[in-house]
Amino acid sequence: MDCSHPSGAVLVLEVESKHTHPYAATFADFLVKLRADLRESEESLRAMAEAYKNKKWWQFWIPPYPPRHAR
């Protein structure tokens, strides 16, 4: 967070270049983006589980869900 500004903008630090750029104008905007990312991730996990459940016998490349090492 950039606490030098009243808005409290949330910045992203690029690890390779060490440069920062704005991610969200306010902390509230950051929370909205975070929730949207979480929702997208949960939808992706549901889609992975559904793909594994409905895969054909020859679709060996579709990994099990949840992954075997996560159990």
PDB file of N, CA and C in Angstrom:
ATOM      1  N   MET A   1       0.838  -1.182   0.000  1.00  0.00           N
ATOM      2  CA  MET A   1       0.000   0.000   0.000  1.00  0.00           C
ATOM      3  C   MET A   1       0.880   1.240   0.000  1.00  0.00           C
ATOM      4  N   ASP A   2       0.413   2.234  -0.705  1.00  0.00           N
ATOM      5  CA  ASP A   2       1.112   3.514  -0.738  1.00  0.00           C
ATOM      6  C   ASP A   2       0.460   4.421   0.298  1.00  0.00           C
ATOM      7  N   CYS A   3       1.038   4.466   1.463  1.00  0.00           N
ATOM      8  CA  CYS A   3       0.465   5.239   2.565  1.00  0.00           C
ATOM      9  C   CYS A   3       0.830   6.722   2.484  1.00  0.00           C
ATOM     10  N   SER A   4       1.596   7.109   1.488  1.00  0.00           N
ATOM     11  CA  SER A   4       1.941   8.522   1.342  1.00  0.00           C
ATOM     12  C   SER A   4       0.804   9.317   0.702  1.00  0.00           C
ATOM     13  N   HIS A   5      -0.181   8.621   0.130  1.00  0.00           N
ATOM     14  CA  HIS A   5      -1.339   9.277  -0.466  1.00  0.00           C
ATOM     15  C   HIS A   5      -2.577   8.969   0.363  1.00  0.00           C
ATOM     16  N   PRO A   6      -3.496   9.918   0.475  1.00  0.00           N
ATOM     17  CA  PRO A   6      -4.708   9.682   1.260  1.00  0.00           C
ATOM     18  C   PRO A   6      -5.558   8.527   0.742  1.00  0.00           C
ATOM     19  N   SER A   7      -5.491   8.245  -0.566  1.00  0.00           N
ATOM     20  CA  SER A   7      -6.321   7.171  -1.121  1.00  0.00           C
ATOM     21  C   SER A   7      -5.841   5.792  -0.690  1.00  0.00           C
ATOM     22  N   GLY A   8      -4.570   5.668  -0.362  1.00  0.00           N
ATOM     23  CA  GLY A   8      -4.033   4.359   0.035  1.00  0.00           C
ATOM     24  C   GLY A   8      -3.998   3.390  -1.116  1.00  0.00           C
ATOM     25  N   ALA A   9      -3.523   3.820  -2.278  1.00  0.00           N
ATOM     26  CA  ALA A   9      -3.469   2.965  -3.462  1.00  0.00           C
ATOM     27  C   ALA A   9      -2.670   1.695  -3.181  1.00  0.00           C
ATOM     28  N   VAL A  10      -3.104   0.605  -3.792  1.00  0.00           N
ATOM     29  CA  VAL A  10      -2.412  -0.672  -3.650  1.00  0.00           C
ATOM     30  C   VAL A  10      -1.538  -0.847  -4.886  1.00  0.00           C
ATOM     31  N   LEU A  11      -0.261  -1.122  -4.667  1.00  0.00           N
ATOM     32  CA  LEU A  11       0.712  -1.250  -5.748  1.00  0.00           C
ATOM     33  C   LEU A  11       1.156  -2.690  -5.903  1.00  0.00           C
ATOM     34  N   VAL A  12       1.629  -3.020  -7.094  1.00  0.00           N
ATOM     35  CA  VAL A  12       2.185  -4.335  -7.384  1.00  0.00           C
ATOM     36  C   VAL A  12       3.683  -4.160  -7.601  1.00  0.00           C
ATOM     37  N   LEU A  13       4.471  -5.019  -6.991  1.00  0.00           N
ATOM     38  CA  LEU A  13       5.919  -5.010  -7.176  1.00  0.00           C
ATOM     39  C   LEU A  13       6.289  -6.148  -8.108  1.00  0.00           C
ATOM     40  N   GLU A  14       6.875  -5.816  -9.251  1.00  0.00           N
ATOM     41  CA  GLU A  14       7.367  -6.828 -10.181  1.00  0.00           C
ATOM     42  C   GLU A  14       8.703  -7.339  -9.645  1.00  0.00           C
ATOM     43  N   VAL A  15       8.783  -8.622  -9.370  1.00  0.00           N
ATOM     44  CA  VAL A  15       9.956  -9.204  -8.735  1.00  0.00           C
ATOM     45  C   VAL A  15      11.197  -9.074  -9.616  1.00  0.00           C
ATOM     46  N   GLU A  16      11.048  -9.349 -10.900  1.00  0.00           N
ATOM     47  CA  GLU A  16      12.213  -9.332 -11.783  1.00  0.00           C
ATOM     48  C   GLU A  16      12.775  -7.929 -11.974  1.00  0.00           C
ATOM     49  N   SER A  17      11.903  -6.963 -12.223  1.00  0.00           N
ATOM     50  CA  SER A  17      12.367  -5.614 -12.546  1.00  0.00           C
ATOM     51  C   SER A  17      12.433  -4.690 -11.338  1.00  0.00           C
ATOM     52  N   LYS A  18      11.826  -5.083 -10.231  1.00  0.00           N
ATOM     53  CA  LYS A  18      11.746  -4.276  -9.007  1.00  0.00           C
ATOM     54  C   LYS A  18      10.961  -2.981  -9.219  1.00  0.00           C
ATOM     55  N   HIS A  19      10.130  -2.925 -10.257  1.00  0.00           N
ATOM     56  CA  HIS A  19       9.296  -1.758 -10.508  1.00  0.00           C
ATOM     57  C   HIS A  19       7.922  -1.975  -9.899  1.00  0.00           C
ATOM     58  N   THR A  20       7.299  -0.882  -9.511  1.00  0.00           N
ATOM     59  CA  THR A  20       5.937  -0.961  -8.991  1.00  0.00           C
ATOM     60  C   THR A  20       4.988  -0.294  -9.972  1.00  0.00           C
ATOM     61  N   HIS A  21       3.759  -0.755  -9.957  1.00  0.00           N
ATOM     62  CA  HIS A  21       2.707  -0.106 -10.732  1.00  0.00           C
ATOM     63  C   HIS A  21       1.400  -0.258  -9.969  1.00  0.00           C
ATOM     64  N   PRO A  22       0.460   0.657 -10.188  1.00  0.00           N
ATOM     65  CA  PRO A  22      -0.805   0.615  -9.446  1.00  0.00           C
ATOM     66  C   PRO A  22      -1.626  -0.626  -9.782  1.00  0.00           C
ATOM     67  N   TYR A  23      -2.228  -1.186  -8.767  1.00  0.00           N
ATOM     68  CA  TYR A  23      -3.131  -2.331  -8.948  1.00  0.00           C
ATOM     69  C   TYR A  23      -4.567  -1.911  -8.670  1.00  0.00           C
ATOM     70  N   ALA A  24      -4.745  -1.127  -7.611  1.00  0.00           N
ATOM     71  CA  ALA A  24      -6.074  -0.632  -7.253  1.00  0.00           C
ATOM     72  C   ALA A  24      -5.916   0.766  -6.660  1.00  0.00           C
ATOM     73  N   ALA A  25      -6.869   1.625  -6.961  1.00  0.00           N
ATOM     74  CA  ALA A  25      -6.788   3.022  -6.519  1.00  0.00           C
ATOM     75  C   ALA A  25      -6.985   3.171  -5.019  1.00  0.00           C
ATOM     76  N   THR A  26      -7.808   2.311  -4.447  1.00  0.00           N
ATOM     77  CA  THR A  26      -8.075   2.365  -3.001  1.00  0.00           C
ATOM     78  C   THR A  26      -8.047   0.955  -2.439  1.00  0.00           C
ATOM     79  N   PHE A  27      -8.015   0.880  -1.112  1.00  0.00           N
ATOM     80  CA  PHE A  27      -8.045  -0.432  -0.466  1.00  0.00           C
ATOM     81  C   PHE A  27      -9.367  -1.130  -0.736  1.00  0.00           C
ATOM     82  N   ALA A  28     -10.451  -0.376  -0.785  1.00  0.00           N
ATOM     83  CA  ALA A  28     -11.764  -0.962  -1.081  1.00  0.00           C
ATOM     84  C   ALA A  28     -11.773  -1.569  -2.490  1.00  0.00           C
ATOM     85  N   ASP A  29     -11.170  -0.878  -3.454  1.00  0.00           N
ATOM     86  CA  ASP A  29     -11.056  -1.423  -4.812  1.00  0.00           C
ATOM     87  C   ASP A  29     -10.218  -2.696  -4.815  1.00  0.00           C
ATOM     88  N   PHE A  30      -9.175  -2.717  -4.011  1.00  0.00           N
ATOM     89  CA  PHE A  30      -8.332  -3.905  -3.885  1.00  0.00           C
ATOM     90  C   PHE A  30      -9.151  -5.093  -3.386  1.00  0.00           C
ATOM     91  N   LEU A  31      -9.989  -4.858  -2.381  1.00  0.00           N
ATOM     92  CA  LEU A  31     -10.816  -5.946  -1.847  1.00  0.00           C
ATOM     93  C   LEU A  31     -11.798  -6.459  -2.891  1.00  0.00           C
ATOM     94  N   VAL A  32     -12.357  -5.552  -3.701  1.00  0.00           N
ATOM     95  CA  VAL A  32     -13.275  -5.964  -4.772  1.00  0.00           C
ATOM     96  C   VAL A  32     -12.531  -6.847  -5.772  1.00  0.00           C
ATOM     97  N   LYS A  33     -11.332  -6.438  -6.170  1.00  0.00           N
ATOM     98  CA  LYS A  33     -10.529  -7.236  -7.113  1.00  0.00           C
ATOM     99  C   LYS A  33     -10.138  -8.573  -6.503  1.00  0.00           C
ATOM    100  N   LEU A  34      -9.800  -8.571  -5.225  1.00  0.00           N
ATOM    101  CA  LEU A  34      -9.419  -9.797  -4.541  1.00  0.00           C
ATOM    102  C   LEU A  34     -10.582 -10.785  -4.510  1.00  0.00           C
ATOM    103  N   ARG A  35     -11.765 -10.289  -4.205  1.00  0.00           N
ATOM    104  CA  ARG A  35     -12.957 -11.154  -4.195  1.00  0.00           C
ATOM    105  C   ARG A  35     -13.245 -11.706  -5.590  1.00  0.00           C
ATOM    106  N   ALA A  36     -13.097 -10.876  -6.609  1.00  0.00           N
ATOM    107  CA  ALA A  36     -13.328 -11.326  -7.988  1.00  0.00           C
ATOM    108  C   ALA A  36     -12.315 -12.410  -8.372  1.00  0.00           C
ATOM    109  N   ASP A  37     -11.047 -12.224  -7.992  1.00  0.00           N
ATOM    110  CA  ASP A  37     -10.023 -13.238  -8.270  1.00  0.00           C
ATOM    111  C   ASP A  37     -10.324 -14.544  -7.547  1.00  0.00           C
ATOM    112  N   LEU A  38     -10.783 -14.447  -6.303  1.00  0.00           N
ATOM    113  CA  LEU A  38     -11.133 -15.646  -5.538  1.00  0.00           C
ATOM    114  C   LEU A  38     -12.310 -16.362  -6.180  1.00  0.00           C
ATOM    115  N   ARG A  39     -13.310 -15.606  -6.614  1.00  0.00           N
ATOM    116  CA  ARG A  39     -14.479 -16.199  -7.268  1.00  0.00           C
ATOM    117  C   ARG A  39     -14.050 -16.911  -8.555  1.00  0.00           C
ATOM    118  N   GLU A  40     -13.169 -16.282  -9.328  1.00  0.00           N
ATOM    119  CA  GLU A  40     -12.675 -16.893 -10.560  1.00  0.00           C
ATOM    120  C   GLU A  40     -11.905 -18.175 -10.273  1.00  0.00           C
ATOM    121  N   SER A  41     -11.104 -18.156  -9.220  1.00  0.00           N
ATOM    122  CA  SER A  41     -10.333 -19.343  -8.837  1.00  0.00           C
ATOM    123  C   SER A  41     -11.258 -20.482  -8.415  1.00  0.00           C
ATOM    124  N   GLU A  42     -12.288 -20.163  -7.638  1.00  0.00           N
ATOM    125  CA  GLU A  42     -13.235 -21.192  -7.210  1.00  0.00           C
ATOM    126  C   GLU A  42     -13.994 -21.779  -8.396  1.00  0.00           C
ATOM    127  N   GLU A  43     -14.357 -20.926  -9.367  1.00  0.00           N
ATOM    128  CA  GLU A  43     -15.033 -21.416 -10.570  1.00  0.00           C
ATOM    129  C   GLU A  43     -14.113 -22.341 -11.372  1.00  0.00           C
ATOM    130  N   SER A  44     -12.847 -22.005 -11.432  1.00  0.00           N
ATOM    131  CA  SER A  44     -11.884 -22.835 -12.139  1.00  0.00           C
ATOM    132  C   SER A  44     -11.738 -24.196 -11.465  1.00  0.00           C
ATOM    133  N   LEU A  45     -11.698 -24.196 -10.141  1.00  0.00           N
ATOM    134  CA  LEU A  45     -11.589 -25.462  -9.412  1.00  0.00           C
ATOM    135  C   LEU A  45     -12.823 -26.323  -9.624  1.00  0.00           C
ATOM    136  N   ARG A  46     -14.004 -25.697  -9.629  1.00  0.00           N
ATOM    137  CA  ARG A  46     -15.230 -26.455  -9.898  1.00  0.00           C
ATOM    138  C   ARG A  46     -15.203 -27.035 -11.309  1.00  0.00           C
ATOM    139  N   ALA A  47     -14.718 -26.253 -12.268  1.00  0.00           N
ATOM    140  CA  ALA A  47     -14.637 -26.738 -13.649  1.00  0.00           C
ATOM    141  C   ALA A  47     -13.658 -27.899 -13.757  1.00  0.00           C
ATOM    142  N   MET A  48     -12.536 -27.829 -13.025  1.00  0.00           N
ATOM    143  CA  MET A  48     -11.568 -28.930 -13.043  1.00  0.00           C
ATOM    144  C   MET A  48     -12.185 -30.203 -12.468  1.00  0.00           C
ATOM    145  N   ALA A  49     -12.917 -30.065 -11.371  1.00  0.00           N
ATOM    146  CA  ALA A  49     -13.557 -31.229 -10.758  1.00  0.00           C
ATOM    147  C   ALA A  49     -14.592 -31.822 -11.709  1.00  0.00           C
ATOM    148  N   GLU A  50     -15.349 -30.971 -12.380  1.00  0.00           N
ATOM    149  CA  GLU A  50     -16.363 -31.442 -13.322  1.00  0.00           C
ATOM    150  C   GLU A  50     -15.718 -32.123 -14.532  1.00  0.00           C
ATOM    151  N   ALA A  51     -14.625 -31.560 -15.037  1.00  0.00           N
ATOM    152  CA  ALA A  51     -13.931 -32.161 -16.177  1.00  0.00           C
ATOM    153  C   ALA A  51     -13.400 -33.541 -15.808  1.00  0.00           C
ATOM    154  N   TYR A  52     -12.863 -33.685 -14.595  1.00  0.00           N
ATOM    155  CA  TYR A  52     -12.350 -34.987 -14.178  1.00  0.00           C
ATOM    156  C   TYR A  52     -13.496 -35.983 -14.020  1.00  0.00           C
ATOM    157  N   LYS A  53     -14.591 -35.521 -13.457  1.00  0.00           N
ATOM    158  CA  LYS A  53     -15.738 -36.405 -13.229  1.00  0.00           C
ATOM    159  C   LYS A  53     -16.328 -36.894 -14.551  1.00  0.00           C
ATOM    160  N   ASN A  54     -16.333 -36.039 -15.572  1.00  0.00           N
ATOM    161  CA  ASN A  54     -16.982 -36.371 -16.842  1.00  0.00           C
ATOM    162  C   ASN A  54     -16.009 -36.791 -17.942  1.00  0.00           C
ATOM    163  N   LYS A  55     -14.747 -37.015 -17.611  1.00  0.00           N
ATOM    164  CA  LYS A  55     -13.788 -37.347 -18.663  1.00  0.00           C
ATOM    165  C   LYS A  55     -14.053 -38.736 -19.231  1.00  0.00           C
ATOM    166  N   LYS A  56     -13.666 -38.890 -20.477  1.00  0.00           N
ATOM    167  CA  LYS A  56     -13.785 -40.177 -21.155  1.00  0.00           C
ATOM    168  C   LYS A  56     -12.601 -41.063 -20.757  1.00  0.00           C
ATOM    169  N   TRP A  57     -12.704 -42.333 -20.986  1.00  0.00           N
ATOM    170  CA  TRP A  57     -11.654 -43.258 -20.569  1.00  0.00           C
ATOM    171  C   TRP A  57     -10.313 -42.947 -21.213  1.00  0.00           C
ATOM    172  N   TRP A  58     -10.325 -42.362 -22.417  1.00  0.00           N
ATOM    173  CA  TRP A  58      -9.093 -42.102 -23.143  1.00  0.00           C
ATOM    174  C   TRP A  58      -8.491 -40.731 -22.822  1.00  0.00           C
ATOM    175  N   GLN A  59      -9.147 -39.942 -22.001  1.00  0.00           N
ATOM    176  CA  GLN A  59      -8.634 -38.612 -21.656  1.00  0.00           C
ATOM    177  C   GLN A  59      -7.740 -38.702 -20.415  1.00  0.00           C
ATOM    178  N   PHE A  60      -6.631 -39.379 -20.570  1.00  0.00           N
ATOM    179  CA  PHE A  60      -5.728 -39.625 -19.450  1.00  0.00           C
ATOM    180  C   PHE A  60      -5.000 -38.383 -18.978  1.00  0.00           C
ATOM    181  N   TRP A  61      -4.941 -37.324 -19.773  1.00  0.00           N
ATOM    182  CA  TRP A  61      -4.199 -36.120 -19.405  1.00  0.00           C
ATOM    183  C   TRP A  61      -4.969 -35.224 -18.438  1.00  0.00           C
ATOM    184  N   ILE A  62      -6.263 -35.479 -18.246  1.00  0.00           N
ATOM    185  CA  ILE A  62      -7.035 -34.673 -17.299  1.00  0.00           C
ATOM    186  C   ILE A  62      -6.719 -35.181 -15.899  1.00  0.00           C
ATOM    187  N   PRO A  63      -6.085 -34.348 -15.062  1.00  0.00           N
ATOM    188  CA  PRO A  63      -5.643 -34.802 -13.748  1.00  0.00           C
ATOM    189  C   PRO A  63      -6.819 -34.978 -12.779  1.00  0.00           C
ATOM    190  N   PRO A  64      -6.648 -35.822 -11.777  1.00  0.00           N
ATOM    191  CA  PRO A  64      -7.711 -35.997 -10.786  1.00  0.00           C
ATOM    192  C   PRO A  64      -7.886 -34.715  -9.972  1.00  0.00           C
ATOM    193  N   TYR A  65      -9.090 -34.540  -9.482  1.00  0.00           N
ATOM    194  CA  TYR A  65      -9.351 -33.407  -8.614  1.00  0.00           C
ATOM    195  C   TYR A  65     -10.131 -33.903  -7.403  1.00  0.00           C
ATOM    196  N   PRO A  66      -9.725 -33.557  -6.212  1.00  0.00           N
ATOM    197  CA  PRO A  66      -8.523 -32.787  -5.895  1.00  0.00           C
ATOM    198  C   PRO A  66      -7.278 -33.612  -6.194  1.00  0.00           C
ATOM    199  N   PRO A  67      -6.160 -32.945  -6.429  1.00  0.00           N
ATOM    200  CA  PRO A  67      -4.912 -33.668  -6.732  1.00  0.00           C
ATOM    201  C   PRO A  67      -4.591 -34.691  -5.658  1.00  0.00           C
ATOM    202  N   ARG A  68      -3.997 -35.778  -6.069  1.00  0.00           N
ATOM    203  CA  ARG A  68      -3.714 -36.867  -5.120  1.00  0.00           C
ATOM    204  C   ARG A  68      -2.813 -36.421  -3.968  1.00  0.00           C
ATOM    205  N   HIS A  69      -1.848 -35.520  -4.248  1.00  0.00           N
ATOM    206  CA  HIS A  69      -0.930 -35.094  -3.186  1.00  0.00           C
ATOM    207  C   HIS A  69      -1.596 -34.137  -2.203  1.00  0.00           C
ATOM    208  N   ALA A  70      -2.801 -33.624  -2.524  1.00  0.00           N
ATOM    209  CA  ALA A  70      -3.471 -32.665  -1.633  1.00  0.00           C
ATOM    210  C   ALA A  70      -4.384 -33.363  -0.636  1.00  0.00           C
ATOM    211  N   ARG A  71      -4.556 -34.634  -0.773  1.00  0.00           N
ATOM    212  CA  ARG A  71      -5.489 -35.347   0.124  1.00  0.00           C
ATOM    213  C   ARG A  71      -4.877 -35.638   1.445  1.00  0.00           C
TER     214      ARG A  71
END
